[in-house]
Amino acid sequence: VQLQASGGGLVQTGESLTLSCQVAEINLNNYGIGWFRQAPGKEREGVTCFSVIGGFSYEADAVKGRFTISRDNAKNTVYLQMNSLKPDDTAVYYCAAGILGCKSSTYYSGGYLAEGAYDYWGQGTLVTVSS
């Protein structure tokens, strides 16, 4: 299983950027997909995820209303549309996949963005937002 994140770069505050995650050897209909990020000197945190249950998606409070996750099953690709970017969004962004990914704490302790629910991880792509 491989996940390849791409699309990172340098943008200015307020601009938009779209990240892509090309997924190989798994069926997106069976796996929840999440985006995570790690800012310099900070722990990795969950950003948003897409569930296999009814097309449900979940966004962390820090990005709610600005970031949107979507997927194209035909291309086996998941996207992260990021709008109104802020310097605090500067981080390495990772995509990840898991059968228990993006499910509530009923299914996996820690909830939708619990890292342990994601079995496969991409290598990360750097997003830098200048002020």
Protein backbone atom coordinates (compact mmCIF):
# COMPACT_ATOMS: atom_id res chain seq x y z
CA VAL A 1 0.00 0.00 0.00
CA GLN A 2 1.32 3.40 -0.95
CA LEU A 3 0.09 6.91 -0.31
CA GLN A 4 1.79 9.76 -2.15
CA ALA A 5 1.03 13.28 -0.97
CA SER A 6 1.83 16.19 -3.24
CA GLY A 7 0.92 19.80 -3.95
CA GLY A 8 2.66 21.58 -1.13
CA GLY A 9 4.43 24.87 -1.63
CA LEU A 10 4.87 28.45 -0.51
CA VAL A 11 1.80 30.69 -0.46
CA GLN A 12 0.85 33.97 1.13
CA THR A 13 -1.69 34.54 3.87
CA GLY A 14 -5.22 34.34 2.55
CA GLU A 15 -4.35 32.30 -0.50
CA SER A 16 -5.52 28.79 -1.37
CA LEU A 17 -3.77 25.53 -2.08
CA THR A 18 -4.91 22.02 -2.98
CA LEU A 19 -3.04 18.95 -1.83
CA SER A 20 -3.43 15.56 -3.47
CA CYS A 21 -2.96 12.09 -2.06
CA GLN A 22 -2.56 9.35 -4.63
CA VAL A 23 -3.48 6.01 -3.11
CA ALA A 24 -2.31 2.67 -4.49
CA GLU A 25 -3.41 -0.89 -3.74
CA ILE A 26 -6.40 -0.15 -1.53
CA ASN A 27 -10.02 0.51 -2.28
CA LEU A 28 -11.10 3.95 -1.12
CA ASN A 29 -14.58 2.59 -0.52
CA ASN A 30 -13.18 0.46 2.30
CA TYR A 31 -10.79 2.87 3.98
CA GLY A 32 -11.20 6.10 5.85
CA ILE A 33 -8.71 8.72 4.68
CA GLY A 34 -7.29 11.41 6.89
CA TRP A 35 -5.07 14.43 6.53
CA PHE A 36 -2.70 15.27 9.35
CA ARG A 37 -0.06 17.93 9.79
CA GLN A 38 3.02 18.58 11.83
CA ALA A 39 4.23 22.11 12.37
CA PRO A 40 7.86 22.82 13.29
CA GLY A 41 8.48 21.95 16.92
CA LYS A 42 4.95 20.64 17.46
CA GLU A 43 3.27 17.26 17.60
CA ARG A 44 1.39 15.94 14.63
CA GLU A 45 -2.31 16.76 14.67
CA GLY A 46 -5.36 15.64 12.76
CA VAL A 47 -6.82 18.05 10.24
CA THR A 48 -9.72 16.39 8.47
CA CYS A 49 -10.91 12.98 7.34
CA PHE A 50 -13.32 11.25 5.00
CA SER A 51 -15.25 8.25 6.25
CA VAL A 52 -16.54 5.22 4.37
CA ILE A 53 -19.79 5.65 6.28
CA GLY A 54 -22.23 7.63 4.18
CA GLY A 55 -19.63 10.00 2.81
CA PHE A 56 -19.19 11.60 6.20
CA SER A 57 -16.30 14.00 6.70
CA TYR A 58 -14.91 15.58 9.82
CA GLU A 59 -12.81 18.71 10.27
CA ALA A 60 -10.78 19.82 13.25
CA ASP A 61 -11.87 23.12 14.77
CA ALA A 62 -8.69 24.85 13.59
CA VAL A 63 -9.62 24.35 9.95
CA LYS A 64 -13.39 24.17 10.01
CA GLY A 65 -14.91 26.28 7.27
CA ARG A 66 -11.56 26.70 5.50
CA PHE A 67 -10.40 23.18 4.58
CA THR A 68 -12.38 20.60 2.62
CA ILE A 69 -11.55 16.99 1.97
CA SER A 70 -12.82 15.21 -1.12
CA ARG A 71 -12.01 12.13 -3.14
CA ASP A 72 -12.11 10.86 -6.68
CA ASN A 73 -12.54 7.09 -6.57
CA ALA A 74 -11.87 6.74 -10.28
CA LYS A 75 -8.44 8.30 -9.80
CA ASN A 76 -7.87 6.74 -6.37
CA THR A 77 -7.01 10.20 -5.17
CA VAL A 78 -7.99 12.22 -2.13
CA TYR A 79 -7.76 16.00 -2.09
CA LEU A 80 -7.40 18.64 0.57
CA GLN A 81 -8.64 22.03 -0.53
CA MET A 82 -7.21 24.69 1.77
CA ASN A 83 -8.62 28.21 1.65
CA SER A 84 -7.87 31.35 3.61
CA LEU A 85 -4.50 30.01 4.65
CA LYS A 86 -2.79 31.43 7.70
CA PRO A 87 0.83 31.29 8.89
CA ASP A 88 -0.34 28.86 11.60
CA ASP A 89 -1.20 26.40 8.82
CA THR A 90 2.50 26.05 7.99
CA ALA A 91 3.35 22.37 8.42
CA VAL A 92 4.22 19.13 6.74
CA TYR A 93 0.92 17.58 5.66
CA TYR A 94 0.42 13.83 5.62
CA CYS A 95 -2.34 11.67 4.25
CA ALA A 96 -3.19 8.37 5.88
CA ALA A 97 -5.60 5.47 5.38
CA GLY A 98 -7.19 3.03 7.79
CA ILE A 99 -10.15 0.67 7.90
CA LEU A 100 -11.05 2.26 11.23
CA GLY A 101 -10.08 5.72 10.01
CA CYS A 102 -12.55 8.59 10.41
CA LYS A 103 -14.93 6.63 12.59
CA SER A 104 -16.36 7.82 15.87
CA SER A 105 -15.09 6.74 19.26
CA THR A 106 -17.77 4.05 19.19
CA TYR A 107 -15.53 2.24 16.73
CA TYR A 108 -12.10 3.45 17.77
CA SER A 109 -11.05 5.15 20.97
CA GLY A 110 -9.86 8.66 20.25
CA GLY A 111 -12.35 9.29 17.49
CA TYR A 112 -12.18 10.39 13.92
CA LEU A 113 -8.58 11.63 13.81
CA ALA A 114 -6.95 9.17 16.19
CA GLU A 115 -3.63 8.31 14.58
CA GLY A 116 -3.79 4.71 15.71
CA ALA A 117 -6.82 4.14 13.49
CA TYR A 118 -4.74 4.79 10.39
CA ASP A 119 -2.62 1.94 9.15
CA TYR A 120 -0.89 3.46 6.15
CA TRP A 121 0.84 6.84 5.87
CA GLY A 122 2.24 8.93 3.06
CA GLN A 123 5.57 10.72 3.18
CA GLY A 124 4.28 14.27 3.67
CA THR A 125 4.31 17.47 1.68
CA LEU A 126 5.42 20.84 3.05
CA VAL A 127 3.07 23.81 3.09
CA THR A 128 4.51 27.18 4.03
CA VAL A 129 2.27 30.19 4.52
CA SER A 130 4.04 33.53 4.64
CA SER A 131 2.63 36.54 6.46
